[in-house]
Amino acid sequence: MNIEINRIQWKCRRGMREIDLLLREFSNSKLQTLDKDNLFIFNQILDYDDQTLFDYIFKQESLNNKIHEDFINKYLKKFTKQGNF
């Protein structure tokens, strides 16, 4: 499992500053606590490009995937309120 977590943490490194900070903050503090299913969902979310993630997280533009949107709403959006995004 550690190899998978390391690979996912590497995928959190992004080109857009806001998304990079958000994903790395989340991965550093919460990634180890996710169950296998949520880890799989998070890994799928990391396949979106930065602009698509930014538009959903900060502009509420739909991803057209309820599972991904629910995960982001539950886990990632709370970091936007805590961080300097």
PDB file of N, CA and C in Angstrom:
ATOM      1  N   MET A   1       0.828  -1.206   0.000  1.00  0.00           N
ATOM      2  CA  MET A   1       0.000   0.000   0.000  1.00  0.00           C
ATOM      3  C   MET A   1       0.864   1.258   0.000  1.00  0.00           C
ATOM      4  N   ASN A   2       2.029   1.216   0.643  1.00  0.00           N
ATOM      5  CA  ASN A   2       2.890   2.391   0.672  1.00  0.00           C
ATOM      6  C   ASN A   2       3.365   2.802  -0.714  1.00  0.00           C
ATOM      7  N   ILE A   3       3.600   1.834  -1.578  1.00  0.00           N
ATOM      8  CA  ILE A   3       4.013   2.155  -2.944  1.00  0.00           C
ATOM      9  C   ILE A   3       2.897   2.914  -3.651  1.00  0.00           C
ATOM     10  N   GLU A   4       1.664   2.473  -3.475  1.00  0.00           N
ATOM     11  CA  GLU A   4       0.520   3.144  -4.090  1.00  0.00           C
ATOM     12  C   GLU A   4       0.362   4.567  -3.540  1.00  0.00           C
ATOM     13  N   ILE A   5       0.503   4.728  -2.253  1.00  0.00           N
ATOM     14  CA  ILE A   5       0.393   6.060  -1.643  1.00  0.00           C
ATOM     15  C   ILE A   5       1.501   6.976  -2.147  1.00  0.00           C
ATOM     16  N   ASN A   6       2.710   6.462  -2.258  1.00  0.00           N
ATOM     17  CA  ASN A   6       3.813   7.265  -2.790  1.00  0.00           C
ATOM     18  C   ASN A   6       3.548   7.700  -4.229  1.00  0.00           C
ATOM     19  N   ARG A   7       2.999   6.792  -5.017  1.00  0.00           N
ATOM     20  CA  ARG A   7       2.678   7.111  -6.404  1.00  0.00           C
ATOM     21  C   ARG A   7       1.595   8.184  -6.466  1.00  0.00           C
ATOM     22  N   ILE A   8       0.585   8.062  -5.626  1.00  0.00           N
ATOM     23  CA  ILE A   8      -0.491   9.060  -5.589  1.00  0.00           C
ATOM     24  C   ILE A   8       0.047  10.409  -5.122  1.00  0.00           C
ATOM     25  N   GLN A   9       0.912  10.413  -4.128  1.00  0.00           N
ATOM     26  CA  GLN A   9       1.494  11.682  -3.668  1.00  0.00           C
ATOM     27  C   GLN A   9       2.279  12.352  -4.786  1.00  0.00           C
ATOM     28  N   TRP A  10       2.958  11.566  -5.590  1.00  0.00           N
ATOM     29  CA  TRP A  10       3.689  12.130  -6.717  1.00  0.00           C
ATOM     30  C   TRP A  10       2.720  12.765  -7.718  1.00  0.00           C
ATOM     31  N   LYS A  11       1.562  12.129  -7.944  1.00  0.00           N
ATOM     32  CA  LYS A  11       0.559  12.671  -8.863  1.00  0.00           C
ATOM     33  C   LYS A  11      -0.054  13.967  -8.339  1.00  0.00           C
ATOM     34  N   CYS A  12       0.073  14.235  -7.050  1.00  0.00           N
ATOM     35  CA  CYS A  12      -0.469  15.465  -6.465  1.00  0.00           C
ATOM     36  C   CYS A  12       0.349  16.688  -6.847  1.00  0.00           C
ATOM     37  N   ARG A  13       1.540  16.506  -7.327  1.00  0.00           N
ATOM     38  CA  ARG A  13       2.373  17.632  -7.768  1.00  0.00           C
ATOM     39  C   ARG A  13       1.800  18.139  -9.084  1.00  0.00           C
ATOM     40  N   ARG A  14       1.374  19.390  -9.078  1.00  0.00           N
ATOM     41  CA  ARG A  14       0.663  19.936 -10.229  1.00  0.00           C
ATOM     42  C   ARG A  14       1.321  21.214 -10.729  1.00  0.00           C
ATOM     43  N   GLY A  15       0.871  21.666 -11.898  1.00  0.00           N
ATOM     44  CA  GLY A  15       1.388  22.888 -12.496  1.00  0.00           C
ATOM     45  C   GLY A  15       0.699  24.143 -11.996  1.00  0.00           C
ATOM     46  N   MET A  16      -0.562  24.033 -11.623  1.00  0.00           N
ATOM     47  CA  MET A  16      -1.304  25.194 -11.131  1.00  0.00           C
ATOM     48  C   MET A  16      -1.104  25.294  -9.618  1.00  0.00           C
ATOM     49  N   ARG A  17      -0.624  26.432  -9.180  1.00  0.00           N
ATOM     50  CA  ARG A  17      -0.245  26.616  -7.777  1.00  0.00           C
ATOM     51  C   ARG A  17      -1.356  26.257  -6.799  1.00  0.00           C
ATOM     52  N   GLU A  18      -2.554  26.759  -7.028  1.00  0.00           N
ATOM     53  CA  GLU A  18      -3.659  26.528  -6.100  1.00  0.00           C
ATOM     54  C   GLU A  18      -3.982  25.041  -5.974  1.00  0.00           C
ATOM     55  N   ILE A  19      -4.020  24.357  -7.098  1.00  0.00           N
ATOM     56  CA  ILE A  19      -4.329  22.927  -7.092  1.00  0.00           C
ATOM     57  C   ILE A  19      -3.174  22.146  -6.465  1.00  0.00           C
ATOM     58  N   ASP A  20      -1.950  22.524  -6.784  1.00  0.00           N
ATOM     59  CA  ASP A  20      -0.780  21.873  -6.205  1.00  0.00           C
ATOM     60  C   ASP A  20      -0.803  21.971  -4.684  1.00  0.00           C
ATOM     61  N   LEU A  21      -1.017  23.154  -4.163  1.00  0.00           N
ATOM     62  CA  LEU A  21      -1.048  23.351  -2.712  1.00  0.00           C
ATOM     63  C   LEU A  21      -2.178  22.563  -2.058  1.00  0.00           C
ATOM     64  N   LEU A  22      -3.343  22.614  -2.664  1.00  0.00           N
ATOM     65  CA  LEU A  22      -4.502  21.912  -2.124  1.00  0.00           C
ATOM     66  C   LEU A  22      -4.277  20.404  -2.089  1.00  0.00           C
ATOM     67  N   LEU A  23      -3.850  19.837  -3.193  1.00  0.00           N
ATOM     68  CA  LEU A  23      -3.663  18.386  -3.261  1.00  0.00           C
ATOM     69  C   LEU A  23      -2.525  17.903  -2.368  1.00  0.00           C
ATOM     70  N   ARG A  24      -1.452  18.662  -2.315  1.00  0.00           N
ATOM     71  CA  ARG A  24      -0.343  18.242  -1.450  1.00  0.00           C
ATOM     72  C   ARG A  24      -0.700  18.371   0.027  1.00  0.00           C
ATOM     73  N   GLU A  25      -1.434  19.411   0.392  1.00  0.00           N
ATOM     74  CA  GLU A  25      -1.895  19.562   1.774  1.00  0.00           C
ATOM     75  C   GLU A  25      -2.784  18.383   2.161  1.00  0.00           C
ATOM     76  N   PHE A  26      -3.722  18.053   1.285  1.00  0.00           N
ATOM     77  CA  PHE A  26      -4.610  16.926   1.538  1.00  0.00           C
ATOM     78  C   PHE A  26      -3.823  15.626   1.629  1.00  0.00           C
ATOM     79  N   SER A  27      -2.929  15.389   0.691  1.00  0.00           N
ATOM     80  CA  SER A  27      -2.196  14.120   0.690  1.00  0.00           C
ATOM     81  C   SER A  27      -1.289  13.987   1.899  1.00  0.00           C
ATOM     82  N   ASN A  28      -0.707  15.077   2.341  1.00  0.00           N
ATOM     83  CA  ASN A  28       0.164  15.023   3.516  1.00  0.00           C
ATOM     84  C   ASN A  28      -0.599  14.769   4.806  1.00  0.00           C
ATOM     85  N   SER A  29      -1.833  15.234   4.879  1.00  0.00           N
ATOM     86  CA  SER A  29      -2.554  15.115   6.145  1.00  0.00           C
ATOM     87  C   SER A  29      -3.604  14.004   6.168  1.00  0.00           C
ATOM     88  N   LYS A  30      -4.151  13.615   5.019  1.00  0.00           N
ATOM     89  CA  LYS A  30      -5.289  12.691   5.032  1.00  0.00           C
ATOM     90  C   LYS A  30      -5.110  11.418   4.212  1.00  0.00           C
ATOM     91  N   LEU A  31      -4.168  11.382   3.322  1.00  0.00           N
ATOM     92  CA  LEU A  31      -4.055  10.257   2.396  1.00  0.00           C
ATOM     93  C   LEU A  31      -3.902   8.920   3.110  1.00  0.00           C
ATOM     94  N   GLN A  32      -3.130   8.884   4.166  1.00  0.00           N
ATOM     95  CA  GLN A  32      -2.897   7.641   4.909  1.00  0.00           C
ATOM     96  C   GLN A  32      -4.165   7.108   5.574  1.00  0.00           C
ATOM     97  N   THR A  33      -5.160   7.971   5.790  1.00  0.00           N
ATOM     98  CA  THR A  33      -6.373   7.557   6.500  1.00  0.00           C
ATOM     99  C   THR A  33      -7.488   7.078   5.568  1.00  0.00           C
ATOM    100  N   LEU A  34      -7.307   7.253   4.260  1.00  0.00           N
ATOM    101  CA  LEU A  34      -8.348   6.847   3.322  1.00  0.00           C
ATOM    102  C   LEU A  34      -8.413   5.329   3.198  1.00  0.00           C
ATOM    103  N   ASP A  35      -9.635   4.822   3.083  1.00  0.00           N
ATOM    104  CA  ASP A  35      -9.777   3.389   2.816  1.00  0.00           C
ATOM    105  C   ASP A  35      -9.466   3.129   1.336  1.00  0.00           C
ATOM    106  N   LYS A  36      -9.427   1.869   0.977  1.00  0.00           N
ATOM    107  CA  LYS A  36      -9.040   1.468  -0.378  1.00  0.00           C
ATOM    108  C   LYS A  36      -9.951   2.086  -1.442  1.00  0.00           C
ATOM    109  N   ASP A  37     -11.253   2.107  -1.207  1.00  0.00           N
ATOM    110  CA  ASP A  37     -12.198   2.662  -2.182  1.00  0.00           C
ATOM    111  C   ASP A  37     -11.988   4.154  -2.388  1.00  0.00           C
ATOM    112  N   ASN A  38     -11.823   4.892  -1.294  1.00  0.00           N
ATOM    113  CA  ASN A  38     -11.604   6.336  -1.408  1.00  0.00           C
ATOM    114  C   ASN A  38     -10.237   6.651  -1.998  1.00  0.00           C
ATOM    115  N   LEU A  39      -9.267   5.823  -1.739  1.00  0.00           N
ATOM    116  CA  LEU A  39      -7.954   5.997  -2.349  1.00  0.00           C
ATOM    117  C   LEU A  39      -8.058   5.839  -3.868  1.00  0.00           C
ATOM    118  N   PHE A  40      -8.849   4.863  -4.295  1.00  0.00           N
ATOM    119  CA  PHE A  40      -9.077   4.641  -5.716  1.00  0.00           C
ATOM    120  C   PHE A  40      -9.774   5.851  -6.349  1.00  0.00           C
ATOM    121  N   ILE A  41     -10.781   6.378  -5.675  1.00  0.00           N
ATOM    122  CA  ILE A  41     -11.509   7.550  -6.181  1.00  0.00           C
ATOM    123  C   ILE A  41     -10.573   8.756  -6.269  1.00  0.00           C
ATOM    124  N   PHE A  42      -9.781   8.977  -5.238  1.00  0.00           N
ATOM    125  CA  PHE A  42      -8.848  10.109  -5.254  1.00  0.00           C
ATOM    126  C   PHE A  42      -7.857   9.968  -6.408  1.00  0.00           C
ATOM    127  N   ASN A  43      -7.378   8.774  -6.637  1.00  0.00           N
ATOM    128  CA  ASN A  43      -6.457   8.535  -7.743  1.00  0.00           C
ATOM    129  C   ASN A  43      -7.127   8.871  -9.079  1.00  0.00           C
ATOM    130  N   GLN A  44      -8.397   8.541  -9.223  1.00  0.00           N
ATOM    131  CA  GLN A  44      -9.133   8.897 -10.442  1.00  0.00           C
ATOM    132  C   GLN A  44      -9.265  10.413 -10.580  1.00  0.00           C
ATOM    133  N   ILE A  45      -9.519  11.082  -9.480  1.00  0.00           N
ATOM    134  CA  ILE A  45      -9.655  12.546  -9.495  1.00  0.00           C
ATOM    135  C   ILE A  45      -8.365  13.195  -9.968  1.00  0.00           C
ATOM    136  N   LEU A  46      -7.245  12.613  -9.613  1.00  0.00           N
ATOM    137  CA  LEU A  46      -5.955  13.162 -10.020  1.00  0.00           C
ATOM    138  C   LEU A  46      -5.723  13.065 -11.524  1.00  0.00           C
ATOM    139  N   ASP A  47      -6.547  12.325 -12.227  1.00  0.00           N
ATOM    140  CA  ASP A  47      -6.437  12.241 -13.685  1.00  0.00           C
ATOM    141  C   ASP A  47      -7.056  13.444 -14.395  1.00  0.00           C
ATOM    142  N   TYR A  48      -7.840  14.252 -13.675  1.00  0.00           N
ATOM    143  CA  TYR A  48      -8.366  15.486 -14.262  1.00  0.00           C
ATOM    144  C   TYR A  48      -7.221  16.479 -14.433  1.00  0.00           C
ATOM    145  N   ASP A  49      -7.337  17.319 -15.458  1.00  0.00           N
ATOM    146  CA  ASP A  49      -6.337  18.371 -15.610  1.00  0.00           C
ATOM    147  C   ASP A  49      -6.581  19.462 -14.567  1.00  0.00           C
ATOM    148  N   ASP A  50      -5.572  20.264 -14.347  1.00  0.00           N
ATOM    149  CA  ASP A  50      -5.628  21.293 -13.303  1.00  0.00           C
ATOM    150  C   ASP A  50      -6.794  22.257 -13.481  1.00  0.00           C
ATOM    151  N   GLN A  51      -7.010  22.707 -14.708  1.00  0.00           N
ATOM    152  CA  GLN A  51      -8.063  23.697 -14.934  1.00  0.00           C
ATOM    153  C   GLN A  51      -9.442  23.131 -14.621  1.00  0.00           C
ATOM    154  N   THR A  52      -9.687  21.886 -14.974  1.00  0.00           N
ATOM    155  CA  THR A  52     -10.969  21.249 -14.681  1.00  0.00           C
ATOM    156  C   THR A  52     -11.188  21.156 -13.179  1.00  0.00           C
ATOM    157  N   LEU A  53     -10.159  20.746 -12.437  1.00  0.00           N
ATOM    158  CA  LEU A  53     -10.276  20.679 -10.970  1.00  0.00           C
ATOM    159  C   LEU A  53     -10.493  22.065 -10.376  1.00  0.00           C
ATOM    160  N   PHE A  54      -9.746  23.036 -10.845  1.00  0.00           N
ATOM    161  CA  PHE A  54      -9.895  24.406 -10.364  1.00  0.00           C
ATOM    162  C   PHE A  54     -11.319  24.905 -10.602  1.00  0.00           C
ATOM    163  N   ASP A  55     -11.818  24.672 -11.806  1.00  0.00           N
ATOM    164  CA  ASP A  55     -13.167  25.143 -12.140  1.00  0.00           C
ATOM    165  C   ASP A  55     -14.228  24.495 -11.263  1.00  0.00           C
ATOM    166  N   TYR A  56     -14.059  23.236 -10.920  1.00  0.00           N
ATOM    167  CA  TYR A  56     -15.050  22.607 -10.043  1.00  0.00           C
ATOM    168  C   TYR A  56     -14.904  23.113  -8.605  1.00  0.00           C
ATOM    169  N   ILE A  57     -13.703  23.122  -8.097  1.00  0.00           N
ATOM    170  CA  ILE A  57     -13.476  23.461  -6.692  1.00  0.00           C
ATOM    171  C   ILE A  57     -13.784  24.931  -6.406  1.00  0.00           C
ATOM    172  N   PHE A  58     -13.370  25.812  -7.277  1.00  0.00           N
ATOM    173  CA  PHE A  58     -13.485  27.242  -6.992  1.00  0.00           C
ATOM    174  C   PHE A  58     -14.623  27.943  -7.747  1.00  0.00           C
ATOM    175  N   LYS A  59     -15.107  27.337  -8.819  1.00  0.00           N
ATOM    176  CA  LYS A  59     -16.163  27.972  -9.605  1.00  0.00           C
ATOM    177  C   LYS A  59     -17.431  27.133  -9.686  1.00  0.00           C
ATOM    178  N   GLN A  60     -17.450  25.988  -9.035  1.00  0.00           N
ATOM    179  CA  GLN A  60     -18.589  25.081  -8.989  1.00  0.00           C
ATOM    180  C   GLN A  60     -19.066  24.622 -10.374  1.00  0.00           C
ATOM    181  N   GLU A  61     -18.148  24.470 -11.326  1.00  0.00           N
ATOM    182  CA  GLU A  61     -18.492  23.927 -12.637  1.00  0.00           C
ATOM    183  C   GLU A  61     -18.450  22.407 -12.548  1.00  0.00           C
ATOM    184  N   SER A  62     -19.489  21.759 -12.988  1.00  0.00           N
ATOM    185  CA  SER A  62     -19.665  20.319 -12.817  1.00  0.00           C
ATOM    186  C   SER A  62     -18.569  19.491 -13.479  1.00  0.00           C
ATOM    187  N   LEU A  63     -18.229  18.390 -12.830  1.00  0.00           N
ATOM    188  CA  LEU A  63     -17.321  17.397 -13.412  1.00  0.00           C
ATOM    189  C   LEU A  63     -18.102  16.325 -14.163  1.00  0.00           C
ATOM    190  N   ASN A  64     -19.411  16.352 -14.021  1.00  0.00           N
ATOM    191  CA  ASN A  64     -20.293  15.337 -14.596  1.00  0.00           C
ATOM    192  C   ASN A  64     -19.976  13.943 -14.066  1.00  0.00           C
ATOM    193  N   ASN A  65     -19.531  13.902 -12.816  1.00  0.00           N
ATOM    194  CA  ASN A  65     -19.267  12.628 -12.142  1.00  0.00           C
ATOM    195  C   ASN A  65     -19.590  12.834 -10.663  1.00  0.00           C
ATOM    196  N   LYS A  66     -20.749  12.350 -10.250  1.00  0.00           N
ATOM    197  CA  LYS A  66     -21.228  12.583  -8.881  1.00  0.00           C
ATOM    198  C   LYS A  66     -20.287  11.996  -7.833  1.00  0.00           C
ATOM    199  N   ILE A  67     -19.715  10.850  -8.088  1.00  0.00           N
ATOM    200  CA  ILE A  67     -18.803  10.219  -7.119  1.00  0.00           C
ATOM    201  C   ILE A  67     -17.586  11.105  -6.886  1.00  0.00           C
ATOM    202  N   HIS A  68     -17.016  11.629  -7.958  1.00  0.00           N
ATOM    203  CA  HIS A  68     -15.856  12.506  -7.822  1.00  0.00           C
ATOM    204  C   HIS A  68     -16.230  13.825  -7.148  1.00  0.00           C
ATOM    205  N   GLU A  69     -17.368  14.373  -7.529  1.00  0.00           N
ATOM    206  CA  GLU A  69     -17.822  15.618  -6.916  1.00  0.00           C
ATOM    207  C   GLU A  69     -18.087  15.435  -5.430  1.00  0.00           C
ATOM    208  N   ASP A  70     -18.711  14.320  -5.056  1.00  0.00           N
ATOM    209  CA  ASP A  70     -18.976  14.054  -3.637  1.00  0.00           C
ATOM    210  C   ASP A  70     -17.680  13.923  -2.849  1.00  0.00           C
ATOM    211  N   PHE A  71     -16.698  13.240  -3.411  1.00  0.00           N
ATOM    212  CA  PHE A  71     -15.401  13.093  -2.738  1.00  0.00           C
ATOM    213  C   PHE A  71     -14.755  14.466  -2.536  1.00  0.00           C
ATOM    214  N   ILE A  72     -14.725  15.260  -3.590  1.00  0.00           N
ATOM    215  CA  ILE A  72     -14.115  16.594  -3.502  1.00  0.00           C
ATOM    216  C   ILE A  72     -14.843  17.440  -2.469  1.00  0.00           C
ATOM    217  N   ASN A  73     -16.165  17.392  -2.482  1.00  0.00           N
ATOM    218  CA  ASN A  73     -16.939  18.176  -1.515  1.00  0.00           C
ATOM    219  C   ASN A  73     -16.662  17.724  -0.087  1.00  0.00           C
ATOM    220  N   LYS A  74     -16.539  16.436   0.106  1.00  0.00           N
ATOM    221  CA  LYS A  74     -16.341  15.894   1.449  1.00  0.00           C
ATOM    222  C   LYS A  74     -14.920  16.112   1.964  1.00  0.00           C
ATOM    223  N   TYR A  75     -13.934  15.906   1.117  1.00  0.00           N
ATOM    224  CA  TYR A  75     -12.549  15.899   1.584  1.00  0.00           C
ATOM    225  C   TYR A  75     -11.721  17.117   1.175  1.00  0.00           C
ATOM    226  N   LEU A  76     -11.848  17.568  -0.040  1.00  0.00           N
ATOM    227  CA  LEU A  76     -10.930  18.599  -0.523  1.00  0.00           C
ATOM    228  C   LEU A  76     -11.396  20.026  -0.285  1.00  0.00           C
ATOM    229  N   LYS A  77     -12.688  20.268  -0.408  1.00  0.00           N
ATOM    230  CA  LYS A  77     -13.162  21.651  -0.284  1.00  0.00           C
ATOM    231  C   LYS A  77     -12.917  22.234   1.101  1.00  0.00           C
ATOM    232  N   LYS A  78     -12.885  21.403   2.136  1.00  0.00           N
ATOM    233  CA  LYS A  78     -12.620  21.934   3.468  1.00  0.00           C
ATOM    234  C   LYS A  78     -11.203  22.511   3.568  1.00  0.00           C
ATOM    235  N   PHE A  79     -10.279  22.016   2.731  1.00  0.00           N
ATOM    236  CA  PHE A  79      -8.921  22.560   2.723  1.00  0.00           C
ATOM    237  C   PHE A  79      -8.858  23.930   2.082  1.00  0.00           C
ATOM    238  N   THR A  80      -9.807  24.248   1.203  1.00  0.00           N
ATOM    239  CA  THR A  80      -9.821  25.586   0.598  1.00  0.00           C
ATOM    240  C   THR A  80     -10.193  26.632   1.635  1.00  0.00           C
ATOM    241  N   LYS A  81     -10.960  26.241   2.630  1.00  0.00           N
ATOM    242  CA  LYS A  81     -11.342  27.165   3.696  1.00  0.00           C
ATOM    243  C   LYS A  81     -10.229  27.343   4.712  1.00  0.00           C
ATOM    244  N   GLN A  82      -9.371  26.320   4.861  1.00  0.00           N
ATOM    245  CA  GLN A  82      -8.289  26.368   5.835  1.00  0.00           C
ATOM    246  C   GLN A  82      -7.032  27.013   5.272  1.00  0.00           C
ATOM    247  N   GLY A  83      -6.794  26.805   3.979  1.00  0.00           N
ATOM    248  CA  GLY A  83      -5.557  27.289   3.362  1.00  0.00           C
ATOM    249  C   GLY A  83      -5.694  28.671   2.783  1.00  0.00           C
ATOM    250  N   ASN A  84      -4.651  29.111   2.137  1.00  0.00           N
ATOM    251  CA  ASN A  84      -4.625  30.425   1.493  1.00  0.00           C
ATOM    252  C   ASN A  84      -4.842  30.257  -0.014  1.00  0.00           C
ATOM    253  N   PHE A  85      -6.030  29.841  -0.380  1.00  0.00           N
ATOM    254  CA  PHE A  85      -6.299  29.562  -1.789  1.00  0.00           C
ATOM    255  C   PHE A  85      -7.142  30.647  -2.359  1.00  0.00           C
TER     256      PHE A  85
END
